[in-house]
C-alpha atoms as a PDB file:
ATOM      1  CA  MET A   1     131.416  -3.447  25.597  1.00  0.00           C
ATOM      2  CA  GLN A   2     134.562  -1.248  26.071  1.00  0.00           C
ATOM      3  CA  SER A   3     136.614  -3.759  24.645  1.00  0.00           C
ATOM      4  CA  LEU A   4     134.315  -4.230  21.650  1.00  0.00           C
ATOM      5  CA  SER A   5     134.133  -0.548  20.851  1.00  0.00           C
ATOM      6  CA  THR A   6     138.392  -0.110  21.286  1.00  0.00           C
ATOM      7  CA  ALA A   7     138.726  -3.271  18.962  1.00  0.00           C
ATOM      8  CA  ARG A   8     136.291  -1.729  16.230  1.00  0.00           C
ATOM      9  CA  VAL A   9     138.076   1.618  16.814  1.00  0.00           C
ATOM     10  CA  LEU A  10     141.402  -0.091  16.078  1.00  0.00           C
ATOM     11  CA  LEU A  11     140.561  -2.014  13.182  1.00  0.00           C
ATOM     12  CA  ILE A  12     138.793   0.968  11.465  1.00  0.00           C
ATOM     13  CA  GLY A  13     141.963   2.829  11.962  1.00  0.00           C
ATOM     14  CA  LEU A  14     144.420   0.235  10.569  1.00  0.00           C
ATOM     15  CA  ALA A  15     142.002  -0.247   7.606  1.00  0.00           C
ATOM     16  CA  VAL A  16     141.805   3.286   6.680  1.00  0.00           C
ATOM     17  CA  ILE A  17     146.056   3.774   7.356  1.00  0.00           C
ATOM     18  CA  GLY A  18     146.661   0.848   5.220  1.00  0.00           C
ATOM     19  CA  LEU A  19     144.363   2.181   2.175  1.00  0.00           C
ATOM     20  CA  ALA A  20     145.934   5.840   2.771  1.00  0.00           C
ATOM     21  CA  ALA A  21     149.248   3.901   2.258  1.00  0.00           C
ATOM     22  CA  PHE A  22     148.690   3.213  -1.173  1.00  0.00           C
ATOM     23  CA  LEU A  23     147.006   6.689  -2.106  1.00  0.00           C
ATOM     24  CA  PRO A  24     150.123   8.086  -3.695  1.00  0.00           C
ATOM     25  CA  LEU A  25     150.126   5.164  -6.364  1.00  0.00           C
ATOM     26  CA  TRP A  26     146.998   6.976  -8.133  1.00  0.00           C
ATOM     27  CA  ALA A  27     146.291  10.230  -6.432  1.00  0.00           C
ATOM     28  CA  SER A  28     147.425  13.585  -8.180  1.00  0.00           C
ATOM     29  CA  GLY A  29     150.162  15.753  -6.267  1.00  0.00           C
ATOM     30  CA  TYR A  30     147.061  18.297  -5.524  1.00  0.00           C
ATOM     31  CA  ILE A  31     145.006  15.754  -3.398  1.00  0.00           C
ATOM     32  CA  LEU A  32     148.184  14.540  -1.628  1.00  0.00           C
ATOM     33  CA  GLY A  33     149.152  18.128  -0.890  1.00  0.00           C
ATOM     34  CA  LEU A  34     145.398  18.484   0.590  1.00  0.00           C
ATOM     35  CA  LEU A  35     145.602  15.406   2.527  1.00  0.00           C
ATOM     36  CA  THR A  36     149.048  16.155   4.029  1.00  0.00           C
ATOM     37  CA  LEU A  37     147.540  19.270   5.542  1.00  0.00           C
ATOM     38  CA  ALA A  38     144.874  17.450   6.689  1.00  0.00           C
ATOM     39  CA  TYR A  39     147.077  15.191   8.373  1.00  0.00           C
ATOM     40  CA  TYR A  40     148.833  17.680  10.384  1.00  0.00           C
ATOM     41  CA  PHE A  41     145.595  19.377  11.269  1.00  0.00           C
ATOM     42  CA  GLY A  42     144.521  16.120  12.790  1.00  0.00           C
ATOM     43  CA  VAL A  43     147.263  15.708  14.829  1.00  0.00           C
ATOM     44  CA  PHE A  44     146.506  19.335  16.321  1.00  0.00           C
ATOM     45  CA  ALA A  45     143.030  18.432  16.676  1.00  0.00           C
ATOM     46  CA  MET A  46     143.959  15.177  18.468  1.00  0.00           C
ATOM     47  CA  ALA A  47     146.103  16.732  20.889  1.00  0.00           C
ATOM     48  CA  TRP A  48     143.466  19.111  21.612  1.00  0.00           C
ATOM     49  CA  ASP A  49     140.948  16.486  22.254  1.00  0.00           C
ATOM     50  CA  LEU A  50     143.105  14.893  24.805  1.00  0.00           C
ATOM     51  CA  LEU A  51     143.153  18.172  27.010  1.00  0.00           C
ATOM     52  CA  PHE A  52     139.347  18.714  26.422  1.00  0.00           C
ATOM     53  CA  GLY A  53     137.488  15.703  26.083  1.00  0.00           C
ATOM     54  CA  PHE A  54     139.228  13.500  28.725  1.00  0.00           C
ATOM     55  CA  ALA A  55     140.623  16.297  31.083  1.00  0.00           C
ATOM     56  CA  GLY A  56     137.433  18.693  30.474  1.00  0.00           C
ATOM     57  CA  GLU A  57     139.825  21.677  29.899  1.00  0.00           C
ATOM     58  CA  VAL A  58     138.641  24.069  27.161  1.00  0.00           C
ATOM     59  CA  ASN A  59     141.871  25.305  25.460  1.00  0.00           C
ATOM     60  CA  PHE A  60     140.721  28.230  23.281  1.00  0.00           C
ATOM     61  CA  GLY A  61     144.380  28.607  22.313  1.00  0.00           C
ATOM     62  CA  PRO A  62     145.797  25.506  20.816  1.00  0.00           C
ATOM     63  CA  THR A  63     147.622  27.481  18.143  1.00  0.00           C
ATOM     64  CA  PHE A  64     149.944  29.151  20.904  1.00  0.00           C
ATOM     65  CA  LEU A  65     151.509  25.644  21.145  1.00  0.00           C
ATOM     66  CA  ILE A  66     151.651  25.049  17.354  1.00  0.00           C
ATOM     67  CA  GLY A  67     152.852  28.513  16.736  1.00  0.00           C
ATOM     68  CA  VAL A  68     155.468  28.305  19.486  1.00  0.00           C
ATOM     69  CA  GLY A  69     156.931  25.063  17.838  1.00  0.00           C
ATOM     70  CA  ALA A  70     156.554  26.385  14.105  1.00  0.00           C
ATOM     71  CA  TYR A  71     158.152  29.499  14.753  1.00  0.00           C
ATOM     72  CA  THR A  72     161.000  28.198  16.592  1.00  0.00           C
ATOM     73  CA  ALA A  73     161.711  25.586  14.265  1.00  0.00           C
ATOM     74  CA  GLY A  74     161.603  28.011  11.418  1.00  0.00           C
ATOM     75  CA  ILE A  75     163.409  30.836  13.040  1.00  0.00           C
ATOM     76  CA  LEU A  76     166.327  28.637  13.865  1.00  0.00           C
ATOM     77  CA  ASP A  77     166.654  27.405  10.198  1.00  0.00           C
ATOM     78  CA  ASN A  78     166.028  30.628   8.797  1.00  0.00           C
ATOM     79  CA  LEU A  79     169.198  31.885  10.829  1.00  0.00           C
ATOM     80  CA  TYR A  80     171.542  29.322  11.156  1.00  0.00           C
ATOM     81  CA  GLN A  81     170.450  26.094   8.883  1.00  0.00           C
ATOM     82  CA  PRO A  82     171.253  23.448  11.223  1.00  0.00           C
ATOM     83  CA  PRO A  83     170.110  19.855  10.562  1.00  0.00           C
ATOM     84  CA  ILE A  84     166.331  19.527  10.042  1.00  0.00           C
ATOM     85  CA  TRP A  85     166.128  17.192  12.828  1.00  0.00           C
ATOM     86  CA  LEU A  86     167.468  19.671  15.332  1.00  0.00           C
ATOM     87  CA  CYS A  87     165.319  22.204  14.108  1.00  0.00           C
ATOM     88  CA  LEU A  88     162.330  19.829  14.710  1.00  0.00           C
ATOM     89  CA  ALA A  89     163.621  18.821  18.319  1.00  0.00           C
ATOM     90  CA  ALA A  90     164.137  22.747  19.311  1.00  0.00           C
ATOM     91  CA  GLY A  91     160.351  23.331  18.241  1.00  0.00           C
ATOM     92  CA  THR A  92     158.978  20.629  19.845  1.00  0.00           C
ATOM     93  CA  LEU A  93     161.115  21.273  23.104  1.00  0.00           C
ATOM     94  CA  ALA A  94     159.979  25.136  22.875  1.00  0.00           C
ATOM     95  CA  ALA A  95     156.447  24.077  22.706  1.00  0.00           C
ATOM     96  CA  VAL A  96     156.591  21.784  25.758  1.00  0.00           C
ATOM     97  CA  THR A  97     158.258  24.464  27.900  1.00  0.00           C
ATOM     98  CA  GLY A  98     155.720  27.137  26.469  1.00  0.00           C
ATOM     99  CA  GLY A  99     153.171  24.584  27.532  1.00  0.00           C
ATOM    100  CA  LEU A 100     154.561  24.185  31.216  1.00  0.00           C
ATOM    101  CA  VAL A 101     155.003  28.184  31.403  1.00  0.00           C
ATOM    102  CA  LEU A 102     151.426  28.459  30.219  1.00  0.00           C
ATOM    103  CA  ALA A 103     149.757  25.500  32.282  1.00  0.00           C
ATOM    104  CA  LEU A 104     151.176  25.781  35.776  1.00  0.00           C
ATOM    105  CA  PRO A 105     149.460  28.946  36.455  1.00  0.00           C
ATOM    106  CA  ALA A 106     146.514  28.593  34.111  1.00  0.00           C
ATOM    107  CA  LEU A 107     145.338  25.016  35.789  1.00  0.00           C
ATOM    108  CA  ARG A 108     144.998  26.616  39.095  1.00  0.00           C
ATOM    109  CA  LEU A 109     142.259  28.553  37.311  1.00  0.00           C
ATOM    110  CA  ARG A 110     138.441  27.117  37.487  1.00  0.00           C
ATOM    111  CA  GLY A 111     135.599  27.648  34.904  1.00  0.00           C
ATOM    112  CA  PRO A 112     135.845  29.858  32.011  1.00  0.00           C
ATOM    113  CA  TYR A 113     139.429  31.490  33.331  1.00  0.00           C
ATOM    114  CA  PHE A 114     141.478  28.559  32.087  1.00  0.00           C
ATOM    115  CA  GLY A 115     140.414  28.935  28.213  1.00  0.00           C
ATOM    116  CA  LEU A 116     140.750  32.899  28.705  1.00  0.00           C
ATOM    117  CA  THR A 117     144.145  32.507  29.595  1.00  0.00           C
ATOM    118  CA  THR A 118     145.166  30.042  26.705  1.00  0.00           C
ATOM    119  CA  LEU A 119     143.217  32.741  24.424  1.00  0.00           C
ATOM    120  CA  VAL A 120     145.354  35.696  25.916  1.00  0.00           C
ATOM    121  CA  ALA A 121     148.466  33.585  25.516  1.00  0.00           C
ATOM    122  CA  VAL A 122     147.819  33.322  21.537  1.00  0.00           C
ATOM    123  CA  LEU A 123     147.039  37.075  21.359  1.00  0.00           C
ATOM    124  CA  ILE A 124     150.371  37.939  23.150  1.00  0.00           C
ATOM    125  CA  LEU A 125     152.201  35.505  20.824  1.00  0.00           C
ATOM    126  CA  GLN A 126     150.716  37.083  17.593  1.00  0.00           C
ATOM    127  CA  ASP A 127     151.529  40.531  18.815  1.00  0.00           C
ATOM    128  CA  PHE A 128     154.999  39.535  19.336  1.00  0.00           C
ATOM    129  CA  ILE A 129     155.696  38.185  15.905  1.00  0.00           C
ATOM    130  CA  VAL A 130     153.947  41.392  14.233  1.00  0.00           C
ATOM    131  CA  VAL A 131     156.347  43.461  16.240  1.00  0.00           C
ATOM    132  CA  ASP A 132     159.449  41.847  16.391  1.00  0.00           C
ATOM    133  CA  ALA A 133     159.439  41.460  12.441  1.00  0.00           C
ATOM    134  CA  ASN A 134     163.230  41.340  12.169  1.00  0.00           C
ATOM    135  CA  LEU A 135     163.301  37.820  14.004  1.00  0.00           C
ATOM    136  CA  THR A 136     159.996  36.551  12.840  1.00  0.00           C
ATOM    137  CA  GLY A 137     158.868  38.041   9.458  1.00  0.00           C
ATOM    138  CA  GLY A 138     156.290  39.882  11.081  1.00  0.00           C
ATOM    139  CA  GLU A 139     152.960  40.132   8.950  1.00  0.00           C
ATOM    140  CA  ILE A 140     154.890  39.358   5.866  1.00  0.00           C
ATOM    141  CA  GLY A 141     155.780  35.725   7.175  1.00  0.00           C
ATOM    142  CA  LEU A 142     159.091  34.089   7.684  1.00  0.00           C
ATOM    143  CA  THR A 143     161.058  32.320   4.970  1.00  0.00           C
ATOM    144  CA  VAL A 144     162.231  28.989   5.712  1.00  0.00           C
ATOM    145  CA  PRO A 145     165.207  27.852   3.511  1.00  0.00           C
ATOM    146  CA  ASP A 146     164.969  24.152   4.121  1.00  0.00           C
ATOM    147  CA  VAL A 147     162.475  21.626   3.243  1.00  0.00           C
ATOM    148  CA  ILE A 148     162.117  18.048   4.112  1.00  0.00           C
ATOM    149  CA  SER A 149     161.491  16.922   0.886  1.00  0.00           C
ATOM    150  CA  ILE A 150     160.111  18.467  -2.662  1.00  0.00           C
ATOM    151  CA  SER A 151     158.380  15.089  -3.378  1.00  0.00           C
ATOM    152  CA  ALA A 152     154.448  15.399  -2.900  1.00  0.00           C
ATOM    153  CA  ALA A 153     154.354  11.514  -2.177  1.00  0.00           C
ATOM    154  CA  VAL A 154     157.309  11.565   0.144  1.00  0.00           C
ATOM    155  CA  ASN A 155     155.503  14.539   2.249  1.00  0.00           C
ATOM    156  CA  TYR A 156     152.401  12.731   2.197  1.00  0.00           C
ATOM    157  CA  GLN A 157     153.801   9.636   3.763  1.00  0.00           C
ATOM    158  CA  ILE A 158     155.693  11.554   6.387  1.00  0.00           C
ATOM    159  CA  ALA A 159     152.317  13.208   7.712  1.00  0.00           C
ATOM    160  CA  LEU A 160     150.358  10.235   7.230  1.00  0.00           C
ATOM    161  CA  TRP A 161     152.672   7.918   9.558  1.00  0.00           C
ATOM    162  CA  PHE A 162     153.488  10.899  11.751  1.00  0.00           C
ATOM    163  CA  MET A 163     149.727  11.301  12.072  1.00  0.00           C
ATOM    164  CA  ALA A 164     149.185   7.460  12.622  1.00  0.00           C
ATOM    165  CA  VAL A 165     151.880   7.157  15.185  1.00  0.00           C
ATOM    166  CA  SER A 166     150.666  10.323  17.089  1.00  0.00           C
ATOM    167  CA  GLY A 167     147.204   8.888  17.247  1.00  0.00           C
ATOM    168  CA  ALA A 168     148.202   5.601  18.348  1.00  0.00           C
ATOM    169  CA  VAL A 169     150.261   6.822  21.469  1.00  0.00           C
ATOM    170  CA  LEU A 170     147.241   9.282  22.188  1.00  0.00           C
ATOM    171  CA  PHE A 171     144.901   6.466  21.790  1.00  0.00           C
ATOM    172  CA  ALA A 172     146.678   4.115  23.987  1.00  0.00           C
ATOM    173  CA  LEU A 173     147.243   7.095  26.601  1.00  0.00           C
ATOM    174  CA  SER A 174     143.301   7.891  26.591  1.00  0.00           C
ATOM    175  CA  ARG A 175     142.779   4.230  27.418  1.00  0.00           C
ATOM    176  CA  SER A 176     145.452   3.890  29.991  1.00  0.00           C
ATOM    177  CA  PRO A 177     144.886   4.455  33.598  1.00  0.00           C
ATOM    178  CA  VAL A 178     145.989   8.350  33.125  1.00  0.00           C
ATOM    179  CA  GLY A 179     143.086   8.726  30.868  1.00  0.00           C
ATOM    180  CA  LEU A 180     140.715   7.387  32.949  1.00  0.00           C
ATOM    181  CA  ILE A 181     141.570   9.804  35.635  1.00  0.00           C
ATOM    182  CA  LEU A 182     141.609  12.578  33.357  1.00  0.00           C
ATOM    183  CA  GLN A 183     138.239  11.658  32.192  1.00  0.00           C
ATOM    184  CA  ALA A 184     137.214  11.135  36.138  1.00  0.00           C
ATOM    185  CA  SER A 185     138.641  14.862  36.701  1.00  0.00           C
ATOM    186  CA  GLY A 186     136.738  16.336  33.668  1.00  0.00           C
ATOM    187  CA  GLN A 187     133.749  15.239  34.916  1.00  0.00           C
ATOM    188  CA  ASP A 188     134.008  16.091  38.582  1.00  0.00           C
ATOM    189  CA  ALA A 189     137.441  17.287  39.864  1.00  0.00           C
ATOM    190  CA  VAL A 190     136.649  17.586  43.495  1.00  0.00           C
ATOM    191  CA  GLN A 191     135.402  13.844  43.590  1.00  0.00           C
ATOM    192  CA  ALA A 192     138.489  12.736  41.790  1.00  0.00           C
ATOM    193  CA  GLY A 193     140.578  14.488  44.113  1.00  0.00           C
ATOM    194  CA  ALA A 194     138.697  13.315  47.401  1.00  0.00           C
ATOM    195  CA  LEU A 195     139.235   9.822  45.674  1.00  0.00           C
ATOM    196  CA  GLY A 196     143.326  10.740  46.066  1.00  0.00           C
ATOM    197  CA  PHE A 197     144.040  11.467  42.639  1.00  0.00           C
ATOM    198  CA  ASN A 198     146.272  14.137  41.895  1.00  0.00           C
ATOM    199  CA  VAL A 199     144.275  16.452  39.610  1.00  0.00           C
ATOM    200  CA  THR A 200     146.391  19.110  38.383  1.00  0.00           C
ATOM    201  CA  LYS A 201     149.561  16.528  38.009  1.00  0.00           C
ATOM    202  CA  HIS A 202     147.452  14.535  35.416  1.00  0.00           C
ATOM    203  CA  LYS A 203     146.078  17.532  33.791  1.00  0.00           C
ATOM    204  CA  LEU A 204     149.582  19.108  33.471  1.00  0.00           C
ATOM    205  CA  THR A 205     150.641  15.950  32.219  1.00  0.00           C
ATOM    206  CA  ALA A 206     147.936  15.830  29.623  1.00  0.00           C
ATOM    207  CA  PHE A 207     148.755  19.692  28.454  1.00  0.00           C
ATOM    208  CA  VAL A 208     152.298  18.662  28.133  1.00  0.00           C
ATOM    209  CA  ILE A 209     151.945  15.844  26.066  1.00  0.00           C
ATOM    210  CA  SER A 210     149.301  18.106  23.928  1.00  0.00           C
ATOM    211  CA  ALA A 211     152.351  20.378  23.807  1.00  0.00           C
ATOM    212  CA  PHE A 212     154.632  17.809  22.723  1.00  0.00           C
ATOM    213  CA  PHE A 213     152.279  16.633  19.509  1.00  0.00           C
ATOM    214  CA  SER A 214     151.397  20.213  18.626  1.00  0.00           C
ATOM    215  CA  GLY A 215     154.816  21.587  18.671  1.00  0.00           C
ATOM    216  CA  LEU A 216     156.087  18.641  16.597  1.00  0.00           C
ATOM    217  CA  ALA A 217     153.323  18.739  14.131  1.00  0.00           C
ATOM    218  CA  GLY A 218     153.856  22.381  13.739  1.00  0.00           C
ATOM    219  CA  SER A 219     157.406  22.153  13.112  1.00  0.00           C
ATOM    220  CA  LEU A 220     157.005  19.396  10.513  1.00  0.00           C
ATOM    221  CA  MET A 221     154.378  21.500   8.962  1.00  0.00           C
ATOM    222  CA  VAL A 222     156.841  24.380   8.664  1.00  0.00           C
ATOM    223  CA  PHE A 223     159.294  22.368   6.706  1.00  0.00           C
ATOM    224  CA  TYR A 224     156.787  21.278   4.480  1.00  0.00           C
ATOM    225  CA  LEU A 225     155.318  24.712   3.818  1.00  0.00           C
ATOM    226  CA  GLY A 226     158.373  26.301   3.493  1.00  0.00           C
ATOM    227  CA  SER A 227     157.224  29.206   5.635  1.00  0.00           C
ATOM    228  CA  ALA A 228     155.888  30.562   8.581  1.00  0.00           C
ATOM    229  CA  SER A 229     153.013  33.141   8.882  1.00  0.00           C
ATOM    230  CA  VAL A 230     150.594  34.028  11.651  1.00  0.00           C
ATOM    231  CA  GLY A 231     147.539  33.433   9.276  1.00  0.00           C
ATOM    232  CA  THR A 232     148.762  29.634   9.000  1.00  0.00           C
ATOM    233  CA  PHE A 233     149.790  28.765  12.317  1.00  0.00           C
ATOM    234  CA  ILE A 234     148.494  31.397  14.917  1.00  0.00           C
ATOM    235  CA  ASP A 235     145.685  33.260  14.022  1.00  0.00           C
ATOM    236  CA  VAL A 236     142.415  32.614  16.346  1.00  0.00           C
ATOM    237  CA  THR A 237     140.557  31.350  13.249  1.00  0.00           C
ATOM    238  CA  VAL A 238     142.956  28.460  12.732  1.00  0.00           C
ATOM    239  CA  GLY A 239     142.442  27.638  16.497  1.00  0.00           C
ATOM    240  CA  VAL A 240     138.818  27.846  16.152  1.00  0.00           C
ATOM    241  CA  GLN A 241     139.077  25.220  13.104  1.00  0.00           C
ATOM    242  CA  VAL A 242     141.355  22.802  15.157  1.00  0.00           C
ATOM    243  CA  ILE A 243     138.540  23.024  18.009  1.00  0.00           C
ATOM    244  CA  ILE A 244     135.887  22.393  15.168  1.00  0.00           C
ATOM    245  CA  ALA A 245     137.779  19.349  13.720  1.00  0.00           C
ATOM    246  CA  ALA A 246     137.989  17.653  16.988  1.00  0.00           C
ATOM    247  CA  VAL A 247     134.288  18.256  17.773  1.00  0.00           C
ATOM    248  CA  LEU A 248     133.427  17.161  14.503  1.00  0.00           C
ATOM    249  CA  GLY A 249     135.231  13.888  14.534  1.00  0.00           C
ATOM    250  CA  GLY A 250     133.522  12.994  18.096  1.00  0.00           C
ATOM    251  CA  ARG A 251     134.867  14.110  21.491  1.00  0.00           C
ATOM    252  CA  ARG A 252     136.513  12.104  23.562  1.00  0.00           C
ATOM    253  CA  THR A 253     137.559   9.499  20.462  1.00  0.00           C
ATOM    254  CA  ILE A 254     141.159  11.085  19.763  1.00  0.00           C
ATOM    255  CA  LEU A 255     140.952   9.463  16.240  1.00  0.00           C
ATOM    256  CA  GLY A 256     137.798  10.998  15.102  1.00  0.00           C
ATOM    257  CA  ALA A 257     139.793  14.235  14.937  1.00  0.00           C
ATOM    258  CA  VAL A 258     141.577  13.187  11.933  1.00  0.00           C
ATOM    259  CA  LEU A 259     137.977  12.866  10.168  1.00  0.00           C
ATOM    260  CA  GLY A 260     137.001  16.095  11.250  1.00  0.00           C
ATOM    261  CA  ALA A 261     140.128  17.584   9.833  1.00  0.00           C
ATOM    262  CA  ILE A 262     139.991  16.104   6.357  1.00  0.00           C
ATOM    263  CA  PHE A 263     136.564  17.211   6.242  1.00  0.00           C
ATOM    264  CA  LEU A 264     137.042  20.704   7.218  1.00  0.00           C
ATOM    265  CA  ILE A 265     140.178  21.009   4.506  1.00  0.00           C
ATOM    266  CA  ALA A 266     138.071  19.374   1.787  1.00  0.00           C
ATOM    267  CA  MET A 267     135.191  21.684   2.151  1.00  0.00           C
ATOM    268  CA  SER A 268     137.420  24.745   2.439  1.00  0.00           C
ATOM    269  CA  GLU A 269     139.139  23.905  -0.632  1.00  0.00           C
ATOM    270  CA  ALA A 270     135.674  23.213  -2.311  1.00  0.00           C
ATOM    271  CA  LEU A 271     134.174  26.122  -1.269  1.00  0.00           C
ATOM    272  CA  ARG A 272     137.071  28.491  -2.217  1.00  0.00           C
ATOM    273  CA  PRO A 273     135.464  29.905  -5.070  1.00  0.00           C
ATOM    274  CA  LEU A 274     132.886  31.597  -2.735  1.00  0.00           C
ATOM    275  CA  GLY A 275     135.812  33.775  -1.253  1.00  0.00           C
ATOM    276  CA  ASP A 276     135.003  35.155   2.216  1.00  0.00           C
ATOM    277  CA  LEU A 277     131.799  33.268   2.357  1.00  0.00           C
ATOM    278  CA  SER A 278     133.515  30.062   2.620  1.00  0.00           C
ATOM    279  CA  ASN A 279     133.985  30.113   6.109  1.00  0.00           C
ATOM    280  CA  PHE A 280     130.644  30.595   7.047  1.00  0.00           C
ATOM    281  CA  VAL A 281     129.461  28.131   4.665  1.00  0.00           C
ATOM    282  CA  VAL A 282     131.766  25.809   6.110  1.00  0.00           C
ATOM    283  CA  PHE A 283     131.372  26.468   9.956  1.00  0.00           C
ATOM    284  CA  THR A 284     127.486  26.336   9.255  1.00  0.00           C
ATOM    285  CA  MET A 285     127.685  22.772   7.922  1.00  0.00           C
ATOM    286  CA  ALA A 286     129.836  22.096  10.948  1.00  0.00           C
ATOM    287  CA  LEU A 287     127.480  23.352  13.372  1.00  0.00           C
ATOM    288  CA  VAL A 288     124.334  21.242  11.829  1.00  0.00           C
ATOM    289  CA  VAL A 289     126.536  18.154  12.108  1.00  0.00           C
ATOM    290  CA  VAL A 290     127.108  18.721  15.668  1.00  0.00           C
ATOM    291  CA  LEU A 291     123.632  19.455  16.693  1.00  0.00           C
ATOM    292  CA  LEU A 292     122.680  16.409  14.658  1.00  0.00           C
ATOM    293  CA  TYR A 293     125.310  13.688  15.608  1.00  0.00           C
ATOM    294  CA  PRO A 294     126.757  14.979  18.696  1.00  0.00           C
ATOM    295  CA  ASN A 295     129.108  12.216  18.957  1.00  0.00           C
ATOM    296  CA  GLY A 296     130.701  13.150  15.585  1.00  0.00           C
ATOM    297  CA  PHE A 297     131.488  11.020  12.494  1.00  0.00           C
ATOM    298  CA  PHE A 298     133.562   8.640  14.746  1.00  0.00           C
ATOM    299  CA  GLY A 299     130.642   8.027  16.874  1.00  0.00           C
ATOM    300  CA  LEU A 300     128.452   7.174  13.678  1.00  0.00           C
ATOM    301  CA  LEU A 301     131.256   4.761  12.451  1.00  0.00           C
ATOM    302  CA  THR A 302     131.927   2.739  15.774  1.00  0.00           C
ATOM    303  CA  ARG A 303     128.311   2.697  17.151  1.00  0.00           C
ATOM    304  CA  SER A 304     127.001  -0.809  17.401  1.00  0.00           C
ATOM    305  CA  LYS A 305     123.560  -1.886  16.132  1.00  0.00           C
ATOM    306  CA  GLU A 306     122.053  -1.826  19.761  1.00  0.00           C
ATOM    307  CA  ASP A 307     123.131   1.668  19.765  1.00  0.00           C
ATOM    308  CA  ALA A 308     121.290   2.826  16.739  1.00  0.00           C
END
């Protein structure tokens, strides 16, 4: 049954990627732009699902990792304009380093204290960016002089294939022995430790991998938008959207997070005329979906007739 489910997931994923690759042939730049953002958010959500869905650690601060990567790449480009690939590497490395610094003490905590620690880290980063405005742009935002491309189709393809590769790596990891150990430790850390597994080491590995993809996605998104701001990358509301996207797509599915991200971005854009009320409507819809379909969108797509 597990192999059947995995095969079905892979077939659906390959089919969707294949269709999405031809979208620039007929879709407008507006649609491509929305999907480009959704794909980056999908990577954020997939990386978060690895830590929560499998390791069982509720990270309330996914934007800490995203923000560190995005601002490191953006600041480096703003000050020195080195090659973009160097900015991307620096942003990713900074996110991984920040993830390690945060995870080493946080993973020793139990219950809600881990989540609280990650949330406080976001607030600290947010305050630092506002206070050190000369370096970060403060509340106004940071301008990034360079962009990867001005073509909507090229930016779309970069986001699509980055999301596809990230999803493949994270999905394979979730189905590997490491993923099984993470799942066991998330369900009962004491029993997993009694069986001889180093629970802390595996959770730290999951956190670092999550930091890698979050930081790289944040860095790429900076060069797509051409700017970085607290409201775009670090605000608590952005973190909530990442978490909702992962849960909507289906916990412990990895790839389902992309569906959740596309749903959130599309609904937020469609309801923009409602102004501040749009977030209320979107979050209410997300709550209804989670209550009616606990396994998320991907659970509906992959369940067998016997499960129906």
